[in-house]
Amino acid sequence: MGKAKRKRKTRKQPSPAPQKESHGTSNIKKVIAVLSGITAFIAVCANITGILGYFGLSPTNGENPTGQNPTPPSYVLYENPPDLTWSSALYSQGMEAYDQNNYTIASERFEAALAEYERISHADMNTAKIQYAIGILNKRLGNLNIAIQWYSDAIGTLEYLSSAETDLDKLGYIYNELGYVHYLRGFAYLKDRDLSRALSDCNKCSEILEQDIEDKGYFSTSLVLYLRGEIYTASYYGTHSPYPVHGGTDLGVTWLDAMSCFESALQYKGAQLTFKDDLVSNNVIVVNAYNDYGISLIAPMLQYNGKPVFSTTPEPCYIIHGADVETAVILTQRAELLSMLNTEDSLTDAIENCNAALSIYDDLSTDKREGIQETYWQLAYTTLAQGAIQNNQLSVDTIETFRDLMEKGLNYTKEWYGESYETAVAYENMGCALMLASRYNEAAEDFEKAKSIFVMLGLEDDVKKQNDFLETVAKIVSDGDTDGWEIYLTDDFNSPIQN
């Protein structure tokens, strides 16, 4: 199947400015050249990180004030700093600012709290917690290098503590914290396209999980498998696609290696591997399986009295149980991986996974829908790609569906992240969607909103990109050529494919 290419009806349009991160273009190749940012949300999908909150420590003896092990939540996703009940007023002010999405003030308060704490105390678990809390804040602000440095400082503190600790129970807490911060840093490296270091941190997480340490729930096997799947996805697509969405580090992995990670993660979340012929109820969440560990391959080989037991290969699938946020995030990432194949069947399956994720989110309260924006974005992108492949053009209904889904993702991003890097990228993507819908004035408003946040964050390259978008919109409007865009398919030599 050729690639879809978008073309101005009456004139050739200018090329867009290069993006800060190499997001690439979608499978709808250059719908309008300046809209290469449409698929920026794919990279945002890599932005999907897991954070686990837990109770703090006593200011007097360093132990849990209740005398009991903290009860962790059932999933790791929220980007919340730890609740350090021992901390100073500065830290409390930082937590308050964080809850109000005022990340700059929160970061200042946390750093002041750390300086005060280090002045009166030696390095301990509390030091590490403040360090990685500051890392979380900097990641939200788009300062990946600074975030990685703070995570590295926290890892150094925890490694120092582990080398001196003899109490096995306390050592278990330290190792769980150590694995958790490696998990955080692995996602930061992934977003920064440093896949080798991301994989190294992921391997550290796996090593700690294999040490049979008492499980405090600070990070889980399913989340580590999810991280590994994200890294493999980035490596495979970055080295096997003409669109360098994830960078080009070749880790020597295949598409199925990435899918195997997500499917293993689903099984750790309680998903049941079965065959569609064996389903007894339609009132369940079901998605196709792609790595069934040889079951469907062995089945046709089985014979009874010299005849095959099965005349056709059974179609494997998963029945989704344990429908929580982690499961929804894993399903969304499977959808991204499926969409990379860019076939009618794979895009249909990608939509199936997105809808399964949304059905899970629908059963959760609004304050527990972390990550839903990525699901809406992925569904928007896949719907757009499917419409182009099926019809060789984008219908008005397809474009409006795409715009509506993008807007839902934007609204959730604003609610969850406030004026952060993620929200600025969401405004940029929404502007691109509105341009595709020929709603140029609205597109300009969203590019302006993205620009104002990037200015606040001091991200000059991103500010320049918004200015380029705004100039292009202004030129289109001033020329009066706002009738829209047409879609046609091209072969590998950019020649149109006739229907």
Protein backbone atom coordinates (compact mmCIF):
# COMPACT_ATOMS: atom_id res chain seq x y z
CA MET A 1 0.00 0.00 0.00
CA GLY A 2 1.35 3.40 -0.89
CA LYS A 3 1.68 6.27 1.48
CA ALA A 4 -0.91 8.99 1.64
CA LYS A 5 0.25 12.44 0.74
CA ARG A 6 -1.60 15.68 1.31
CA LYS A 7 -1.43 18.39 -1.31
CA ARG A 8 -2.61 21.96 -1.62
CA LYS A 9 -5.23 22.31 -4.30
CA THR A 10 -3.74 25.29 -6.07
CA ARG A 11 -0.21 25.78 -4.92
CA LYS A 12 2.79 24.12 -3.41
CA GLN A 13 3.10 25.02 0.25
CA PRO A 14 6.25 25.87 2.23
CA SER A 15 8.05 23.25 4.27
CA PRO A 16 7.69 23.42 8.06
CA ALA A 17 10.49 24.27 10.43
CA PRO A 18 12.29 21.26 11.89
CA GLN A 19 10.98 20.13 15.27
CA LYS A 20 12.94 20.02 18.49
CA GLU A 21 12.44 16.27 18.81
CA SER A 22 12.34 14.09 15.71
CA HIS A 23 8.68 13.24 15.83
CA GLY A 24 8.51 12.58 12.09
CA THR A 25 5.31 12.47 10.08
CA SER A 26 2.30 10.21 10.30
CA ASN A 27 1.44 7.50 7.84
CA ILE A 28 -0.56 10.19 6.05
CA LYS A 29 2.61 11.51 4.47
CA LYS A 30 2.79 15.32 4.58
CA VAL A 31 -0.95 16.00 4.62
CA ILE A 32 0.29 19.53 4.56
CA ALA A 33 4.01 19.78 4.91
CA VAL A 34 3.78 22.13 7.83
CA LEU A 35 1.64 19.60 9.67
CA SER A 36 4.47 17.22 10.43
CA GLY A 37 3.61 18.08 14.03
CA ILE A 38 0.33 16.17 13.71
CA THR A 39 2.04 13.03 14.93
CA ALA A 40 3.92 14.74 17.71
CA PHE A 41 1.47 13.04 20.00
CA ILE A 42 3.10 9.71 19.06
CA ALA A 43 6.21 10.91 20.82
CA VAL A 44 4.01 12.20 23.62
CA CYS A 45 2.91 8.55 23.90
CA ALA A 46 6.49 7.82 24.79
CA ASN A 47 5.76 10.48 27.50
CA ILE A 48 3.55 8.08 29.11
CA THR A 49 5.68 7.61 32.64
CA GLY A 50 4.67 5.87 35.88
CA ILE A 51 4.98 7.42 39.35
CA LEU A 52 3.99 5.80 42.65
CA GLY A 53 3.10 7.78 45.78
CA TYR A 54 3.34 6.41 49.27
CA PHE A 55 3.31 7.54 52.91
CA GLY A 56 6.23 9.55 54.25
CA LEU A 57 8.73 8.97 57.06
CA SER A 58 8.86 10.19 60.63
CA PRO A 59 11.07 13.24 61.34
CA THR A 60 12.40 11.69 64.52
CA ASN A 61 13.39 8.11 63.85
CA GLY A 62 13.28 7.69 60.07
CA GLU A 63 10.64 4.95 60.37
CA ASN A 64 7.07 4.86 59.10
CA PRO A 65 5.11 6.81 61.75
CA THR A 66 2.31 4.19 61.83
CA GLY A 67 4.73 1.34 62.51
CA GLN A 68 3.24 -0.52 59.53
CA ASN A 69 4.22 -1.01 55.92
CA PRO A 70 2.62 1.61 53.67
CA THR A 71 -0.25 0.40 51.50
CA PRO A 72 0.61 1.15 47.86
CA PRO A 73 -1.95 1.82 45.14
CA SER A 74 -2.63 -0.94 42.63
CA TYR A 75 -0.89 0.83 39.75
CA VAL A 76 2.06 3.11 39.05
CA LEU A 77 1.20 6.01 36.82
CA TYR A 78 0.66 9.35 38.53
CA GLU A 79 3.49 11.85 38.35
CA ASN A 80 3.18 12.81 42.00
CA PRO A 81 6.13 13.50 44.28
CA PRO A 82 6.21 11.37 47.45
CA ASP A 83 4.21 12.59 50.42
CA LEU A 84 7.01 13.39 52.87
CA THR A 85 5.11 14.12 56.08
CA TRP A 86 8.38 14.82 57.91
CA SER A 87 9.33 17.64 55.59
CA SER A 88 9.67 21.33 56.25
CA ALA A 89 7.21 24.09 55.45
CA LEU A 90 9.15 24.67 52.24
CA TYR A 91 8.38 21.18 51.02
CA SER A 92 4.73 21.57 51.99
CA GLN A 93 4.58 24.77 49.97
CA GLY A 94 6.12 22.89 47.06
CA MET A 95 3.47 20.15 47.30
CA GLU A 96 0.72 22.77 47.35
CA ALA A 97 2.15 24.46 44.25
CA TYR A 98 2.48 21.08 42.52
CA ASP A 99 -1.18 20.26 43.21
CA GLN A 100 -2.07 23.57 41.56
CA ASN A 101 0.06 22.69 38.48
CA ASN A 102 2.47 25.52 39.35
CA TYR A 103 5.58 23.52 38.60
CA THR A 104 8.09 26.35 38.59
CA ILE A 105 7.20 27.43 42.14
CA ALA A 106 7.03 23.80 43.26
CA SER A 107 10.52 23.14 41.90
CA GLU A 108 11.91 26.19 43.69
CA ARG A 109 10.37 25.11 47.00
CA PHE A 110 11.60 21.54 46.67
CA GLU A 111 15.14 22.66 45.93
CA ALA A 112 15.03 25.01 48.92
CA ALA A 113 13.71 22.18 51.09
CA LEU A 114 16.54 19.93 49.93
CA ALA A 115 19.16 22.57 50.69
CA GLU A 116 17.71 23.03 54.18
CA TYR A 117 17.49 19.31 54.80
CA GLU A 118 21.06 18.67 53.67
CA ARG A 119 22.22 21.47 55.98
CA ILE A 120 20.84 19.76 59.09
CA SER A 121 21.08 16.08 58.16
CA HIS A 122 23.20 13.45 56.44
CA ALA A 123 22.09 11.63 53.27
CA ASP A 124 19.21 9.21 53.82
CA MET A 125 16.06 7.95 52.11
CA ASN A 126 14.41 11.33 52.51
CA THR A 127 17.23 12.99 50.58
CA ALA A 128 16.69 10.63 47.65
CA LYS A 129 12.94 11.25 47.68
CA ILE A 130 13.35 15.00 47.39
CA GLN A 131 15.94 14.52 44.64
CA TYR A 132 13.69 12.47 42.41
CA ALA A 133 10.69 14.70 43.23
CA ILE A 134 12.66 17.58 41.71
CA GLY A 135 13.44 15.33 38.75
CA ILE A 136 9.71 14.70 38.21
CA LEU A 137 9.03 18.42 38.21
CA ASN A 138 11.75 19.17 35.70
CA LYS A 139 10.45 16.46 33.39
CA ARG A 140 7.03 18.12 33.47
CA LEU A 141 8.70 21.40 32.57
CA GLY A 142 10.40 19.81 29.56
CA ASN A 143 13.88 19.97 31.15
CA LEU A 144 14.84 16.37 30.41
CA ASN A 145 18.59 16.75 30.97
CA ILE A 146 18.02 18.38 34.36
CA ALA A 147 15.46 15.72 35.30
CA ILE A 148 17.88 12.94 34.38
CA GLN A 149 20.58 14.55 36.53
CA TRP A 150 18.28 14.68 39.56
CA TYR A 151 17.26 11.05 39.03
CA SER A 152 20.95 10.16 38.82
CA ASP A 153 21.62 12.01 42.08
CA ALA A 154 18.82 10.05 43.77
CA ILE A 155 20.25 6.78 42.42
CA GLY A 156 23.67 7.73 43.79
CA THR A 157 22.18 8.45 47.22
CA LEU A 158 20.30 5.14 47.29
CA GLU A 159 23.33 3.14 46.15
CA TYR A 160 25.36 4.73 48.95
CA LEU A 161 22.65 3.83 51.48
CA SER A 162 22.37 0.25 50.23
CA SER A 163 26.11 -0.31 50.60
CA ALA A 164 25.98 0.65 54.29
CA GLU A 165 22.62 -0.91 55.31
CA THR A 166 22.54 -4.24 57.19
CA ASP A 167 18.88 -4.37 58.22
CA LEU A 168 17.19 -6.56 55.59
CA ASP A 169 13.80 -4.88 55.90
CA LYS A 170 15.27 -1.40 55.42
CA LEU A 171 17.45 -2.73 52.60
CA GLY A 172 14.29 -3.97 50.88
CA TYR A 173 12.84 -0.47 50.97
CA ILE A 174 16.05 0.99 49.58
CA TYR A 175 16.17 -1.49 46.70
CA ASN A 176 12.53 -0.85 45.82
CA GLU A 177 13.24 2.88 45.76
CA LEU A 178 16.35 2.25 43.67
CA GLY A 179 14.42 0.22 41.11
CA TYR A 180 11.70 2.84 41.01
CA VAL A 181 14.11 5.70 40.25
CA HIS A 182 15.81 3.61 37.56
CA TYR A 183 12.29 3.21 36.13
CA LEU A 184 11.75 6.99 36.18
CA ARG A 185 15.13 7.69 34.60
CA GLY A 186 14.53 5.00 31.96
CA PHE A 187 11.41 6.80 30.78
CA ALA A 188 13.26 10.12 30.77
CA TYR A 189 16.02 8.61 28.62
CA LEU A 190 13.34 7.15 26.32
CA LYS A 191 11.74 10.56 25.84
CA ASP A 192 15.21 11.99 25.18
CA ARG A 193 15.73 9.25 22.52
CA ASP A 194 18.71 7.77 24.38
CA LEU A 195 17.47 4.21 23.95
CA SER A 196 20.63 2.40 25.06
CA ARG A 197 20.61 4.14 28.45
CA ALA A 198 16.85 3.68 28.72
CA LEU A 199 17.27 -0.06 28.20
CA SER A 200 20.10 -0.17 30.75
CA ASP A 201 17.82 1.38 33.39
CA CYS A 202 15.05 -1.02 32.42
CA ASN A 203 17.44 -3.95 32.91
CA LYS A 204 18.33 -2.59 36.37
CA CYS A 205 14.63 -2.63 37.25
CA SER A 206 14.36 -6.26 36.11
CA GLU A 207 17.41 -7.25 38.16
CA ILE A 208 15.90 -5.77 41.31
CA LEU A 209 12.57 -7.52 40.68
CA GLU A 210 14.44 -10.81 40.34
CA GLN A 211 16.14 -10.45 43.74
CA ASP A 212 13.05 -11.71 45.59
CA ILE A 213 12.94 -8.62 47.77
CA GLU A 214 9.77 -8.16 49.78
CA ASP A 215 7.39 -6.42 47.37
CA LYS A 216 6.38 -3.00 48.66
CA GLY A 217 4.61 -2.23 45.38
CA TYR A 218 6.75 0.77 44.42
CA PHE A 219 7.03 -0.52 40.88
CA SER A 220 5.77 -3.69 39.24
CA THR A 221 6.76 -6.35 36.73
CA SER A 222 3.98 -5.27 34.37
CA LEU A 223 5.25 -1.66 34.35
CA VAL A 224 8.84 -2.74 33.69
CA LEU A 225 7.61 -4.88 30.79
CA TYR A 226 5.66 -1.87 29.54
CA LEU A 227 8.81 0.29 29.65
CA ARG A 228 10.78 -2.37 27.79
CA GLY A 229 8.04 -2.58 25.16
CA GLU A 230 8.16 1.21 24.69
CA ILE A 231 11.93 1.07 24.21
CA TYR A 232 11.68 -1.80 21.73
CA THR A 233 8.93 0.05 19.84
CA ALA A 234 11.11 3.13 19.56
CA SER A 235 14.09 1.09 18.34
CA TYR A 236 12.13 -0.95 15.81
CA TYR A 237 10.22 1.93 14.27
CA GLY A 238 13.20 4.23 14.35
CA THR A 239 15.27 1.77 12.31
CA HIS A 240 12.61 0.18 10.08
CA SER A 241 10.49 3.13 9.04
CA PRO A 242 11.18 5.97 6.60
CA TYR A 243 9.70 8.29 9.24
CA PRO A 244 12.17 8.65 12.17
CA VAL A 245 9.49 9.11 14.83
CA HIS A 246 11.50 7.62 17.67
CA GLY A 247 15.11 8.09 16.69
CA GLY A 248 17.41 5.55 15.12
CA THR A 249 19.11 3.50 17.84
CA ASP A 250 19.09 -0.09 16.59
CA LEU A 251 18.78 -2.47 19.55
CA GLY A 252 18.38 -5.47 17.24
CA VAL A 253 14.75 -6.09 18.18
CA THR A 254 11.69 -6.92 16.08
CA TRP A 255 8.10 -5.76 16.02
CA LEU A 256 7.10 -9.00 17.74
CA ASP A 257 9.70 -8.44 20.50
CA ALA A 258 7.92 -5.19 21.36
CA MET A 259 4.46 -6.75 21.17
CA SER A 260 5.62 -9.67 23.36
CA CYS A 261 6.50 -7.20 26.12
CA PHE A 262 3.04 -5.64 26.06
CA GLU A 263 1.30 -8.99 25.93
CA SER A 264 3.36 -10.31 28.83
CA ALA A 265 2.47 -7.14 30.72
CA LEU A 266 -1.23 -7.79 30.03
CA GLN A 267 -0.88 -11.30 31.41
CA TYR A 268 0.72 -9.95 34.59
CA LYS A 269 -2.33 -7.69 34.81
CA GLY A 270 -4.58 -10.75 34.71
CA ALA A 271 -5.48 -10.93 31.01
CA GLN A 272 -6.52 -14.45 29.94
CA LEU A 273 -5.07 -15.90 26.74
CA THR A 274 -7.71 -17.93 24.91
CA PHE A 275 -9.30 -18.42 21.49
CA LYS A 276 -12.22 -16.46 20.10
CA ASP A 277 -14.07 -19.71 19.37
CA ASP A 278 -14.01 -20.47 23.10
CA LEU A 279 -15.62 -17.21 24.25
CA VAL A 280 -18.86 -17.83 26.13
CA SER A 281 -19.85 -14.19 26.64
CA ASN A 282 -19.76 -11.09 24.52
CA ASN A 283 -19.96 -8.85 27.57
CA VAL A 284 -16.20 -8.78 28.09
CA ILE A 285 -13.26 -6.71 26.84
CA VAL A 286 -11.46 -8.74 24.17
CA VAL A 287 -8.44 -7.84 22.03
CA ASN A 288 -6.52 -9.93 19.53
CA ALA A 289 -3.30 -11.64 20.62
CA TYR A 290 -0.22 -11.66 18.40
CA ASN A 291 2.31 -13.61 20.44
CA ASP A 292 0.41 -16.64 21.71
CA TYR A 293 3.56 -18.58 22.67
CA GLY A 294 3.11 -21.13 19.90
CA ILE A 295 -0.41 -22.25 20.74
CA SER A 296 -1.95 -21.38 17.37
CA LEU A 297 1.13 -22.68 15.53
CA ILE A 298 1.07 -26.06 17.29
CA ALA A 299 -2.69 -26.58 17.06
CA PRO A 300 -2.83 -27.41 13.30
CA MET A 301 -0.04 -29.94 13.76
CA LEU A 302 -1.97 -31.95 16.32
CA GLN A 303 -3.58 -35.04 14.77
CA TYR A 304 -6.10 -37.62 15.90
CA ASN A 305 -6.32 -40.88 13.94
CA GLY A 306 -4.17 -39.33 11.26
CA LYS A 307 -6.41 -36.26 10.80
CA PRO A 308 -5.77 -32.71 11.99
CA VAL A 309 -7.62 -31.83 15.17
CA PHE A 310 -8.15 -28.30 13.87
CA SER A 311 -8.92 -27.56 10.25
CA THR A 312 -7.91 -23.92 10.68
CA THR A 313 -5.60 -22.10 13.02
CA PRO A 314 -7.55 -20.84 16.04
CA GLU A 315 -7.55 -17.06 16.45
CA PRO A 316 -5.93 -16.22 19.80
CA CYS A 317 -7.17 -13.33 21.90
CA TYR A 318 -7.02 -11.87 25.39
CA ILE A 319 -9.93 -11.46 27.76
CA ILE A 320 -9.06 -8.36 29.78
CA HIS A 321 -9.41 -8.62 33.53
CA GLY A 322 -8.08 -6.25 36.18
CA ALA A 323 -9.30 -3.23 34.22
CA ASP A 324 -7.22 -0.43 35.77
CA VAL A 325 -5.15 2.48 34.49
CA GLU A 326 -2.06 0.35 33.84
CA THR A 327 -4.07 -1.98 31.61
CA ALA A 328 -5.50 0.98 29.65
CA VAL A 329 -2.01 2.42 29.11
CA ILE A 330 -0.68 -0.93 27.88
CA LEU A 331 -3.57 -1.27 25.43
CA THR A 332 -2.92 2.24 24.11
CA GLN A 333 0.72 1.42 23.47
CA ARG A 334 -0.27 -1.77 21.67
CA ALA A 335 -2.43 0.42 19.44
CA GLU A 336 0.55 2.60 18.55
CA LEU A 337 2.63 -0.44 17.69
CA LEU A 338 -0.16 -1.90 15.54
CA SER A 339 -0.68 1.38 13.71
CA MET A 340 2.97 1.32 12.62
CA LEU A 341 2.19 -1.61 10.30
CA ASN A 342 -0.21 0.69 8.40
CA THR A 343 -2.46 -2.01 6.96
CA GLU A 344 -6.25 -2.07 7.06
CA ASP A 345 -6.23 -5.00 9.50
CA SER A 346 -3.59 -3.53 11.79
CA LEU A 347 -5.34 -0.15 11.91
CA THR A 348 -8.64 -1.86 12.72
CA ASP A 349 -6.95 -3.76 15.55
CA ALA A 350 -5.32 -0.54 16.77
CA ILE A 351 -8.75 1.11 16.99
CA GLU A 352 -10.01 -1.98 18.85
CA ASN A 353 -7.26 -1.56 21.46
CA CYS A 354 -7.97 2.18 21.85
CA ASN A 355 -11.67 1.56 22.35
CA ALA A 356 -10.89 -1.17 24.89
CA ALA A 357 -8.70 1.32 26.78
CA LEU A 358 -11.44 3.97 26.69
CA SER A 359 -13.99 1.49 28.02
CA ILE A 360 -11.69 0.96 31.01
CA TYR A 361 -11.31 4.71 31.55
CA ASP A 362 -15.09 5.13 31.38
CA ASP A 363 -15.44 2.93 34.46
CA LEU A 364 -12.96 5.06 36.44
CA SER A 365 -13.64 8.34 38.18
CA THR A 366 -12.30 11.43 36.41
CA ASP A 367 -9.44 11.86 38.88
CA LYS A 368 -8.17 8.36 38.05
CA ARG A 369 -8.01 8.74 34.26
CA GLU A 370 -4.30 9.46 34.02
CA GLY A 371 -3.10 8.80 30.47
CA ILE A 372 -6.48 8.99 28.74
CA GLN A 373 -5.26 11.87 26.57
CA GLU A 374 -2.72 9.60 24.87
CA THR A 375 -5.53 7.15 24.07
CA TYR A 376 -7.60 9.87 22.41
CA TRP A 377 -4.57 11.07 20.44
CA GLN A 378 -3.69 7.58 19.26
CA LEU A 379 -7.31 6.92 18.28
CA ALA A 380 -7.36 10.23 16.36
CA TYR A 381 -4.20 9.39 14.43
CA THR A 382 -5.34 5.84 13.64
CA THR A 383 -8.77 7.01 12.49
CA LEU A 384 -7.12 9.50 10.15
CA ALA A 385 -4.78 6.87 8.71
CA GLN A 386 -7.58 4.34 8.27
CA GLY A 387 -9.77 6.88 6.46
CA ALA A 388 -7.00 7.68 4.00
CA ILE A 389 -6.22 4.03 3.29
CA GLN A 390 -9.84 2.96 2.86
CA ASN A 391 -11.00 5.86 0.70
CA ASN A 392 -7.78 7.22 -0.83
CA GLN A 393 -8.87 10.57 0.55
CA LEU A 394 -9.98 12.19 3.78
CA SER A 395 -13.69 12.80 4.06
CA VAL A 396 -15.13 15.73 5.98
CA ASP A 397 -16.50 13.31 8.58
CA THR A 398 -13.09 11.69 9.08
CA ILE A 399 -11.40 15.06 9.55
CA GLU A 400 -14.06 16.20 12.03
CA THR A 401 -13.75 12.94 13.98
CA PHE A 402 -10.00 13.44 14.07
CA ARG A 403 -10.38 17.02 15.30
CA ASP A 404 -12.92 16.01 17.96
CA LEU A 405 -10.69 13.26 19.35
CA MET A 406 -7.68 15.58 19.41
CA GLU A 407 -9.72 18.16 21.32
CA LYS A 408 -10.71 15.60 23.96
CA GLY A 409 -7.04 14.74 24.40
CA LEU A 410 -6.16 18.43 24.75
CA ASN A 411 -8.83 19.00 27.39
CA TYR A 412 -7.60 16.11 29.53
CA THR A 413 -4.00 17.27 29.15
CA LYS A 414 -4.86 20.77 30.39
CA GLU A 415 -6.68 19.24 33.35
CA TRP A 416 -3.86 16.90 34.33
CA TYR A 417 -0.74 18.89 33.50
CA GLY A 418 -1.60 22.59 33.71
CA GLU A 419 0.82 24.88 31.88
CA SER A 420 3.46 22.26 31.18
CA TYR A 421 5.47 21.06 28.20
CA GLU A 422 2.87 18.33 27.57
CA THR A 423 0.07 20.90 27.41
CA ALA A 424 2.02 23.12 25.01
CA VAL A 425 2.58 20.16 22.66
CA ALA A 426 -1.14 19.34 22.93
CA TYR A 427 -2.05 22.88 21.85
CA GLU A 428 0.38 22.55 18.92
CA ASN A 429 -1.20 19.27 17.84
CA MET A 430 -4.66 20.78 18.14
CA GLY A 431 -3.58 23.66 15.94
CA CYS A 432 -2.44 21.19 13.29
CA ALA A 433 -5.77 19.35 13.51
CA LEU A 434 -7.66 22.62 13.06
CA MET A 435 -5.55 23.50 10.00
CA LEU A 436 -6.48 20.16 8.48
CA ALA A 437 -10.12 21.06 9.11
CA SER A 438 -9.51 24.47 7.42
CA ARG A 439 -10.34 26.28 10.68
CA TYR A 440 -7.38 28.62 10.43
CA ASN A 441 -8.31 31.31 12.96
CA GLU A 442 -8.84 28.68 15.66
CA ALA A 443 -5.58 27.01 14.67
CA ALA A 444 -3.74 30.31 15.13
CA GLU A 445 -5.23 30.68 18.62
CA ASP A 446 -3.91 27.28 19.66
CA PHE A 447 -0.46 27.95 18.20
CA GLU A 448 -0.41 31.19 20.21
CA LYS A 449 -1.31 29.30 23.39
CA ALA A 450 1.44 26.77 22.73
CA LYS A 451 3.88 29.59 22.08
CA SER A 452 3.06 31.37 25.35
CA ILE A 453 3.79 28.22 27.37
CA PHE A 454 7.02 27.54 25.50
CA VAL A 455 8.06 31.16 26.14
CA MET A 456 7.36 30.68 29.85
CA LEU A 457 9.45 27.48 29.86
CA GLY A 458 12.29 29.16 27.95
CA LEU A 459 12.21 26.63 25.08
CA GLU A 460 13.39 28.81 22.20
CA ASP A 461 13.33 26.17 19.45
CA ASP A 462 9.70 25.37 20.22
CA VAL A 463 8.82 29.06 20.27
CA LYS A 464 10.36 29.44 16.80
CA LYS A 465 8.35 26.49 15.53
CA GLN A 466 5.09 28.10 16.69
CA ASN A 467 6.08 31.33 14.95
CA ASP A 468 6.61 29.35 11.75
CA PHE A 469 3.16 27.78 12.11
CA LEU A 470 1.60 31.19 12.70
CA GLU A 471 3.32 32.69 9.66
CA THR A 472 2.05 29.84 7.49
CA VAL A 473 -1.52 30.26 8.74
CA ALA A 474 -1.36 34.02 8.15
CA LYS A 475 -0.10 33.51 4.59
CA ILE A 476 -2.85 30.99 3.79
CA VAL A 477 -5.52 33.38 5.08
CA SER A 478 -4.04 36.43 3.35
CA ASP A 479 -3.86 34.58 0.03
CA GLY A 480 -7.51 33.64 0.40
CA ASP A 481 -6.72 30.02 -0.44
CA THR A 482 -8.64 28.39 2.41
CA ASP A 483 -10.72 25.87 0.51
CA GLY A 484 -9.02 22.91 2.10
CA TRP A 485 -6.68 20.14 1.07
CA GLU A 486 -6.91 16.98 -0.94
CA ILE A 487 -5.48 13.53 -0.23
CA TYR A 488 -3.98 11.12 -2.70
CA LEU A 489 -1.81 8.00 -2.40
CA THR A 490 1.72 7.84 -3.76
CA ASP A 491 4.12 5.05 -4.47
CA ASP A 492 7.72 4.96 -3.27
CA PHE A 493 8.68 7.39 -6.05
CA ASN A 494 6.02 9.95 -5.03
CA SER A 495 3.96 9.18 -8.14
CA PRO A 496 0.18 9.20 -7.61
CA ILE A 497 -1.50 5.79 -7.44
CA GLN A 498 -4.58 5.66 -9.63
CA ASN A 499 -7.74 4.11 -8.21
